Amino acid sequence: GALLRRNLLIYGLGGIVVPFVGIKAIDLVIT
């Protein structure tokens, strides 16, 4: 249970946040 919560918090939330930041940064560069 603790492992699932940890995965959702770190890798689940991180998996959502990182693309937003990364895609926006790449968009600025290619533009």
PDB file of all heavy atoms in Angstrom:
ATOM      1  N   GLY A   1       0.820  -1.216   0.000  1.00  0.00           N
ATOM      2  CA  GLY A   1       0.000   0.000   0.000  1.00  0.00           C
ATOM      3  C   GLY A   1       0.845   1.254   0.000  1.00  0.00           C
ATOM      4  O   GLY A   1       0.597   2.204  -0.763  1.00  0.00           O
ATOM      5  N   ALA A   2       1.858   1.272   0.869  1.00  0.00           N
ATOM      6  CA  ALA A   2       2.750   2.435   0.939  1.00  0.00           C
ATOM      7  C   ALA A   2       3.524   2.602  -0.365  1.00  0.00           C
ATOM      8  O   ALA A   2       3.754   3.725  -0.832  1.00  0.00           O
ATOM      9  CB  ALA A   2       3.712   2.285   2.113  1.00  0.00           C
ATOM     10  N   LEU A   3       3.903   1.469  -0.978  1.00  0.00           N
ATOM     11  CA  LEU A   3       4.635   1.537  -2.239  1.00  0.00           C
ATOM     12  C   LEU A   3       3.763   2.110  -3.349  1.00  0.00           C
ATOM     13  O   LEU A   3       4.226   2.929  -4.155  1.00  0.00           O
ATOM     14  CB  LEU A   3       5.117   0.134  -2.615  1.00  0.00           C
ATOM     15  CG  LEU A   3       5.919   0.016  -3.911  1.00  0.00           C
ATOM     16  CD1 LEU A   3       7.184   0.851  -3.833  1.00  0.00           C
ATOM     17  CD2 LEU A   3       6.269  -1.450  -4.188  1.00  0.00           C
ATOM     18  N   LEU A   4       2.482   1.713  -3.389  1.00  0.00           N
ATOM     19  CA  LEU A   4       1.566   2.241  -4.400  1.00  0.00           C
ATOM     20  C   LEU A   4       1.397   3.743  -4.230  1.00  0.00           C
ATOM     21  O   LEU A   4       1.430   4.499  -5.207  1.00  0.00           O
ATOM     22  CB  LEU A   4       0.212   1.538  -4.299  1.00  0.00           C
ATOM     23  CG  LEU A   4      -0.870   2.026  -5.263  1.00  0.00           C
ATOM     24  CD1 LEU A   4      -0.427   1.850  -6.708  1.00  0.00           C
ATOM     25  CD2 LEU A   4      -2.191   1.298  -5.003  1.00  0.00           C
ATOM     26  N   ARG A   5       1.212   4.190  -2.974  1.00  0.00           N
ATOM     27  CA  ARG A   5       1.070   5.636  -2.735  1.00  0.00           C
ATOM     28  C   ARG A   5       2.328   6.385  -3.155  1.00  0.00           C
ATOM     29  O   ARG A   5       2.248   7.478  -3.743  1.00  0.00           O
ATOM     30  CB  ARG A   5       0.781   5.885  -1.249  1.00  0.00           C
ATOM     31  CG  ARG A   5      -0.619   5.443  -0.817  1.00  0.00           C
ATOM     32  CD  ARG A   5      -0.954   5.971   0.567  1.00  0.00           C
ATOM     33  NE  ARG A   5      -0.060   5.423   1.586  1.00  0.00           N
ATOM     34  CZ  ARG A   5      -0.273   4.291   2.232  1.00  0.00           C
ATOM     35  NH1 ARG A   5      -1.354   3.562   1.952  1.00  0.00           N
ATOM     36  NH2 ARG A   5       0.567   3.865   3.156  1.00  0.00           N
ATOM     37  N   ARG A   6       3.473   5.798  -2.875  1.00  0.00           N
ATOM     38  CA  ARG A   6       4.746   6.435  -3.241  1.00  0.00           C
ATOM     39  C   ARG A   6       4.882   6.533  -4.756  1.00  0.00           C
ATOM     40  O   ARG A   6       5.303   7.576  -5.295  1.00  0.00           O
ATOM     41  CB  ARG A   6       5.900   5.624  -2.650  1.00  0.00           C
ATOM     42  CG  ARG A   6       7.289   6.168  -2.967  1.00  0.00           C
ATOM     43  CD  ARG A   6       8.341   5.395  -2.176  1.00  0.00           C
ATOM     44  NE  ARG A   6       9.667   5.809  -2.530  1.00  0.00           N
ATOM     45  CZ  ARG A   6      10.421   5.227  -3.474  1.00  0.00           C
ATOM     46  NH1 ARG A   6       9.922   4.194  -4.138  1.00  0.00           N
ATOM     47  NH2 ARG A   6      11.625   5.657  -3.745  1.00  0.00           N
ATOM     48  N   ASN A   7       4.537   5.464  -5.457  1.00  0.00           N
ATOM     49  CA  ASN A   7       4.622   5.487  -6.915  1.00  0.00           C
ATOM     50  C   ASN A   7       3.694   6.533  -7.520  1.00  0.00           C
ATOM     51  O   ASN A   7       4.061   7.260  -8.443  1.00  0.00           O
ATOM     52  CB  ASN A   7       4.280   4.109  -7.487  1.00  0.00           C
ATOM     53  CG  ASN A   7       5.485   3.175  -7.545  1.00  0.00           C
ATOM     54  OD1 ASN A   7       6.595   3.597  -7.270  1.00  0.00           O
ATOM     55  ND2 ASN A   7       5.248   1.930  -7.873  1.00  0.00           N
ATOM     56  N   LEU A   8       2.462   6.591  -6.989  1.00  0.00           N
ATOM     57  CA  LEU A   8       1.499   7.567  -7.514  1.00  0.00           C
ATOM     58  C   LEU A   8       1.957   8.985  -7.243  1.00  0.00           C
ATOM     59  O   LEU A   8       1.791   9.876  -8.085  1.00  0.00           O
ATOM     60  CB  LEU A   8       0.123   7.317  -6.896  1.00  0.00           C
ATOM     61  CG  LEU A   8      -0.588   6.025  -7.339  1.00  0.00           C
ATOM     62  CD1 LEU A   8      -1.889   5.847  -6.578  1.00  0.00           C
ATOM     63  CD2 LEU A   8      -0.843   6.034  -8.841  1.00  0.00           C
ATOM     64  N   LEU A   9       2.538   9.205  -6.046  1.00  0.00           N
ATOM     65  CA  LEU A   9       2.956  10.556  -5.672  1.00  0.00           C
ATOM     66  C   LEU A   9       4.177  11.004  -6.461  1.00  0.00           C
ATOM     67  O   LEU A   9       4.216  12.129  -6.990  1.00  0.00           O
ATOM     68  CB  LEU A   9       3.254  10.609  -4.169  1.00  0.00           C
ATOM     69  CG  LEU A   9       3.697  11.971  -3.617  1.00  0.00           C
ATOM     70  CD1 LEU A   9       2.591  13.002  -3.801  1.00  0.00           C
ATOM     71  CD2 LEU A   9       4.083  11.854  -2.150  1.00  0.00           C
ATOM     72  N   ILE A  10       5.184  10.117  -6.546  1.00  0.00           N
ATOM     73  CA  ILE A  10       6.439  10.514  -7.190  1.00  0.00           C
ATOM     74  C   ILE A  10       6.380  10.319  -8.703  1.00  0.00           C
ATOM     75  O   ILE A  10       6.595  11.255  -9.480  1.00  0.00           O
ATOM     76  CB  ILE A  10       7.625   9.726  -6.592  1.00  0.00           C
ATOM     77  CG1 ILE A  10       7.780  10.044  -5.098  1.00  0.00           C
ATOM     78  CG2 ILE A  10       8.914  10.048  -7.344  1.00  0.00           C
ATOM     79  CD1 ILE A  10       8.867   9.243  -4.406  1.00  0.00           C
ATOM     80  N   TYR A  11       6.077   9.094  -9.134  1.00  0.00           N
ATOM     81  CA  TYR A  11       6.147   8.797 -10.569  1.00  0.00           C
ATOM     82  C   TYR A  11       4.837   9.097 -11.290  1.00  0.00           C
ATOM     83  O   TYR A  11       4.858   9.435 -12.477  1.00  0.00           O
ATOM     84  CB  TYR A  11       6.558   7.339 -10.767  1.00  0.00           C
ATOM     85  CG  TYR A  11       7.935   7.074 -10.224  1.00  0.00           C
ATOM     86  CD1 TYR A  11       8.109   6.515  -8.958  1.00  0.00           C
ATOM     87  CD2 TYR A  11       9.061   7.425 -10.945  1.00  0.00           C
ATOM     88  CE1 TYR A  11       9.375   6.294  -8.436  1.00  0.00           C
ATOM     89  CE2 TYR A  11      10.331   7.210 -10.436  1.00  0.00           C
ATOM     90  CZ  TYR A  11      10.476   6.644  -9.179  1.00  0.00           C
ATOM     91  OH  TYR A  11      11.728   6.444  -8.663  1.00  0.00           O
ATOM     92  N   GLY A  12       3.707   8.985 -10.583  1.00  0.00           N
ATOM     93  CA  GLY A  12       2.445   9.358 -11.205  1.00  0.00           C
ATOM     94  C   GLY A  12       2.343  10.867 -11.374  1.00  0.00           C
ATOM     95  O   GLY A  12       2.128  11.373 -12.484  1.00  0.00           O
ATOM     96  N   LEU A  13       2.533  11.590 -10.272  1.00  0.00           N
ATOM     97  CA  LEU A  13       2.493  13.055 -10.340  1.00  0.00           C
ATOM     98  C   LEU A  13       3.632  13.589 -11.194  1.00  0.00           C
ATOM     99  O   LEU A  13       3.453  14.505 -12.005  1.00  0.00           O
ATOM    100  CB  LEU A  13       2.546  13.637  -8.926  1.00  0.00           C
ATOM    101  CG  LEU A  13       2.427  15.154  -8.808  1.00  0.00           C
ATOM    102  CD1 LEU A  13       1.096  15.633  -9.376  1.00  0.00           C
ATOM    103  CD2 LEU A  13       2.561  15.597  -7.348  1.00  0.00           C
ATOM    104  N   GLY A  14       4.837  12.967 -11.018  1.00  0.00           N
ATOM    105  CA  GLY A  14       5.982  13.402 -11.829  1.00  0.00           C
ATOM    106  C   GLY A  14       5.752  13.157 -13.300  1.00  0.00           C
ATOM    107  O   GLY A  14       6.149  13.957 -14.155  1.00  0.00           O
ATOM    108  N   GLY A  15       5.080  12.028 -13.627  1.00  0.00           N
ATOM    109  CA  GLY A  15       4.801  11.717 -15.020  1.00  0.00           C
ATOM    110  C   GLY A  15       3.850  12.698 -15.661  1.00  0.00           C
ATOM    111  O   GLY A  15       3.811  12.822 -16.889  1.00  0.00           O
ATOM    112  N   ILE A  16       3.046  13.383 -14.858  1.00  0.00           N
ATOM    113  CA  ILE A  16       2.145  14.405 -15.392  1.00  0.00           C
ATOM    114  C   ILE A  16       2.844  15.754 -15.487  1.00  0.00           C
ATOM    115  O   ILE A  16       2.737  16.468 -16.486  1.00  0.00           O
ATOM    116  CB  ILE A  16       0.881  14.519 -14.514  1.00  0.00           C
ATOM    117  CG1 ILE A  16       0.049  13.227 -14.639  1.00  0.00           C
ATOM    118  CG2 ILE A  16       0.046  15.736 -14.904  1.00  0.00           C
ATOM    119  CD1 ILE A  16      -1.159  13.193 -13.729  1.00  0.00           C
ATOM    120  N   VAL A  17       3.600  16.117 -14.448  1.00  0.00           N
ATOM    121  CA  VAL A  17       4.232  17.443 -14.385  1.00  0.00           C
ATOM    122  C   VAL A  17       5.387  17.563 -15.371  1.00  0.00           C
ATOM    123  O   VAL A  17       5.510  18.572 -16.094  1.00  0.00           O
ATOM    124  CB  VAL A  17       4.712  17.731 -12.951  1.00  0.00           C
ATOM    125  CG1 VAL A  17       5.535  19.020 -12.917  1.00  0.00           C
ATOM    126  CG2 VAL A  17       3.531  17.814 -11.999  1.00  0.00           C
ATOM    127  N   VAL A  18       6.266  16.540 -15.425  1.00  0.00           N
ATOM    128  CA  VAL A  18       7.468  16.624 -16.261  1.00  0.00           C
ATOM    129  C   VAL A  18       7.141  16.883 -17.737  1.00  0.00           C
ATOM    130  O   VAL A  18       7.774  17.742 -18.365  1.00  0.00           O
ATOM    131  CB  VAL A  18       8.331  15.349 -16.089  1.00  0.00           C
ATOM    132  CG1 VAL A  18       9.456  15.302 -17.124  1.00  0.00           C
ATOM    133  CG2 VAL A  18       8.909  15.285 -14.683  1.00  0.00           C
ATOM    134  N   PRO A  19       6.165  16.187 -18.340  1.00  0.00           N
ATOM    135  CA  PRO A  19       5.855  16.486 -19.741  1.00  0.00           C
ATOM    136  C   PRO A  19       5.358  17.910 -19.962  1.00  0.00           C
ATOM    137  O   PRO A  19       5.678  18.522 -20.993  1.00  0.00           O
ATOM    138  CB  PRO A  19       4.759  15.463 -20.090  1.00  0.00           C
ATOM    139  CG  PRO A  19       4.962  14.347 -19.132  1.00  0.00           C
ATOM    140  CD  PRO A  19       5.411  15.001 -17.875  1.00  0.00           C
ATOM    141  N   PHE A  20       4.578  18.437 -19.025  1.00  0.00           N
ATOM    142  CA  PHE A  20       4.113  19.821 -19.180  1.00  0.00           C
ATOM    143  C   PHE A  20       5.302  20.771 -19.251  1.00  0.00           C
ATOM    144  O   PHE A  20       5.362  21.651 -20.117  1.00  0.00           O
ATOM    145  CB  PHE A  20       3.189  20.205 -18.022  1.00  0.00           C
ATOM    146  CG  PHE A  20       1.763  19.798 -18.224  1.00  0.00           C
ATOM    147  CD1 PHE A  20       1.304  18.560 -17.797  1.00  0.00           C
ATOM    148  CD2 PHE A  20       0.863  20.646 -18.860  1.00  0.00           C
ATOM    149  CE1 PHE A  20      -0.006  18.174 -17.989  1.00  0.00           C
ATOM    150  CE2 PHE A  20      -0.458  20.275 -19.059  1.00  0.00           C
ATOM    151  CZ  PHE A  20      -0.896  19.029 -18.631  1.00  0.00           C
ATOM    152  N   VAL A  21       6.255  20.561 -18.347  1.00  0.00           N
ATOM    153  CA  VAL A  21       7.435  21.435 -18.326  1.00  0.00           C
ATOM    154  C   VAL A  21       8.304  21.176 -19.548  1.00  0.00           C
ATOM    155  O   VAL A  21       8.752  22.116 -20.224  1.00  0.00           O
ATOM    156  CB  VAL A  21       8.240  21.203 -17.030  1.00  0.00           C
ATOM    157  CG1 VAL A  21       9.521  22.039 -17.049  1.00  0.00           C
ATOM    158  CG2 VAL A  21       7.397  21.536 -15.809  1.00  0.00           C
ATOM    159  N   GLY A  22       8.544  19.888 -19.852  1.00  0.00           N
ATOM    160  CA  GLY A  22       9.436  19.538 -20.950  1.00  0.00           C
ATOM    161  C   GLY A  22       8.903  19.953 -22.306  1.00  0.00           C
ATOM    162  O   GLY A  22       9.641  20.512 -23.128  1.00  0.00           O
ATOM    163  N   ILE A  23       7.636  19.671 -22.551  1.00  0.00           N
ATOM    164  CA  ILE A  23       7.051  20.018 -23.852  1.00  0.00           C
ATOM    165  C   ILE A  23       7.021  21.531 -24.051  1.00  0.00           C
ATOM    166  O   ILE A  23       7.301  22.035 -25.148  1.00  0.00           O
ATOM    167  CB  ILE A  23       5.642  19.403 -23.977  1.00  0.00           C
ATOM    168  CG1 ILE A  23       5.748  17.877 -24.093  1.00  0.00           C
ATOM    169  CG2 ILE A  23       4.897  19.971 -25.184  1.00  0.00           C
ATOM    170  CD1 ILE A  23       4.419  17.153 -24.056  1.00  0.00           C
ATOM    171  N   LYS A  24       6.710  22.258 -22.989  1.00  0.00           N
ATOM    172  CA  LYS A  24       6.699  23.719 -23.094  1.00  0.00           C
ATOM    173  C   LYS A  24       8.095  24.251 -23.392  1.00  0.00           C
ATOM    174  O   LYS A  24       8.265  25.148 -24.243  1.00  0.00           O
ATOM    175  CB  LYS A  24       6.169  24.322 -21.785  1.00  0.00           C
ATOM    176  CG  LYS A  24       6.144  25.861 -21.772  1.00  0.00           C
ATOM    177  CD  LYS A  24       5.241  26.425 -22.869  1.00  0.00           C
ATOM    178  CE  LYS A  24       5.208  27.948 -22.829  1.00  0.00           C
ATOM    179  NZ  LYS A  24       4.362  28.494 -23.919  1.00  0.00           N
ATOM    180  N   ALA A  25       9.112  23.680 -22.729  1.00  0.00           N
ATOM    181  CA  ALA A  25      10.486  24.138 -22.965  1.00  0.00           C
ATOM    182  C   ALA A  25      10.916  23.844 -24.405  1.00  0.00           C
ATOM    183  O   ALA A  25      11.537  24.691 -25.068  1.00  0.00           O
ATOM    184  CB  ALA A  25      11.432  23.455 -21.979  1.00  0.00           C
ATOM    185  N   ILE A  26      10.578  22.665 -24.896  1.00  0.00           N
ATOM    186  CA  ILE A  26      10.926  22.311 -26.281  1.00  0.00           C
ATOM    187  C   ILE A  26      10.183  23.210 -27.264  1.00  0.00           C
ATOM    188  O   ILE A  26      10.741  23.656 -28.282  1.00  0.00           O
ATOM    189  CB  ILE A  26      10.605  20.825 -26.542  1.00  0.00           C
ATOM    190  CG1 ILE A  26      11.494  19.928 -25.680  1.00  0.00           C
ATOM    191  CG2 ILE A  26      10.790  20.481 -28.024  1.00  0.00           C
ATOM    192  CD1 ILE A  26      11.109  18.460 -25.710  1.00  0.00           C
ATOM    193  N   ASP A  27       8.917  23.517 -26.962  1.00  0.00           N
ATOM    194  CA  ASP A  27       8.126  24.408 -27.819  1.00  0.00           C
ATOM    195  C   ASP A  27       8.783  25.779 -27.934  1.00  0.00           C
ATOM    196  O   ASP A  27       8.847  26.352 -29.036  1.00  0.00           O
ATOM    197  CB  ASP A  27       6.719  24.545 -27.236  1.00  0.00           C
ATOM    198  CG  ASP A  27       5.862  25.526 -28.017  1.00  0.00           C
ATOM    199  OD1 ASP A  27       5.459  25.189 -29.145  1.00  0.00           O
ATOM    200  OD2 ASP A  27       5.606  26.633 -27.491  1.00  0.00           O
ATOM    201  N   LEU A  28       9.282  26.289 -26.822  1.00  0.00           N
ATOM    202  CA  LEU A  28       9.950  27.598 -26.846  1.00  0.00           C
ATOM    203  C   LEU A  28      11.201  27.550 -27.717  1.00  0.00           C
ATOM    204  O   LEU A  28      11.492  28.488 -28.467  1.00  0.00           O
ATOM    205  CB  LEU A  28      10.314  28.033 -25.422  1.00  0.00           C
ATOM    206  CG  LEU A  28       9.141  28.364 -24.500  1.00  0.00           C
ATOM    207  CD1 LEU A  28       9.631  28.618 -23.076  1.00  0.00           C
ATOM    208  CD2 LEU A  28       8.380  29.588 -25.022  1.00  0.00           C
ATOM    209  N   VAL A  29      11.954  26.433 -27.611  1.00  0.00           N
ATOM    210  CA  VAL A  29      13.203  26.313 -28.368  1.00  0.00           C
ATOM    211  C   VAL A  29      12.914  26.208 -29.869  1.00  0.00           C
ATOM    212  O   VAL A  29      13.522  26.922 -30.680  1.00  0.00           O
ATOM    213  CB  VAL A  29      14.007  25.085 -27.888  1.00  0.00           C
ATOM    214  CG1 VAL A  29      15.205  24.822 -28.811  1.00  0.00           C
ATOM    215  CG2 VAL A  29      14.486  25.288 -26.462  1.00  0.00           C
ATOM    216  N   ILE A  30      12.001  25.312 -30.261  1.00  0.00           N
ATOM    217  CA  ILE A  30      11.771  25.116 -31.696  1.00  0.00           C
ATOM    218  C   ILE A  30      11.086  26.331 -32.315  1.00  0.00           C
ATOM    219  O   ILE A  30      11.268  26.616 -33.500  1.00  0.00           O
ATOM    220  CB  ILE A  30      10.960  23.827 -31.973  1.00  0.00           C
ATOM    221  CG1 ILE A  30       9.573  23.895 -31.359  1.00  0.00           C
ATOM    222  CG2 ILE A  30      11.701  22.609 -31.476  1.00  0.00           C
ATOM    223  CD1 ILE A  30       8.715  22.672 -31.691  1.00  0.00           C
ATOM    224  N   THR A  31      10.302  27.055 -31.507  1.00  0.00           N
ATOM    225  CA  THR A  31       9.687  28.293 -32.017  1.00  0.00           C
ATOM    226  C   THR A  31      10.752  29.354 -32.243  1.00  0.00           C
ATOM    227  O   THR A  31      10.758  30.055 -33.266  1.00  0.00           O
ATOM    228  CB  THR A  31       8.626  28.802 -31.032  1.00  0.00           C
ATOM    229  OG1 THR A  31       7.625  27.796 -30.845  1.00  0.00           O
ATOM    230  CG2 THR A  31       7.964  30.066 -31.565  1.00  0.00           C
TER     231      THR A  31
END
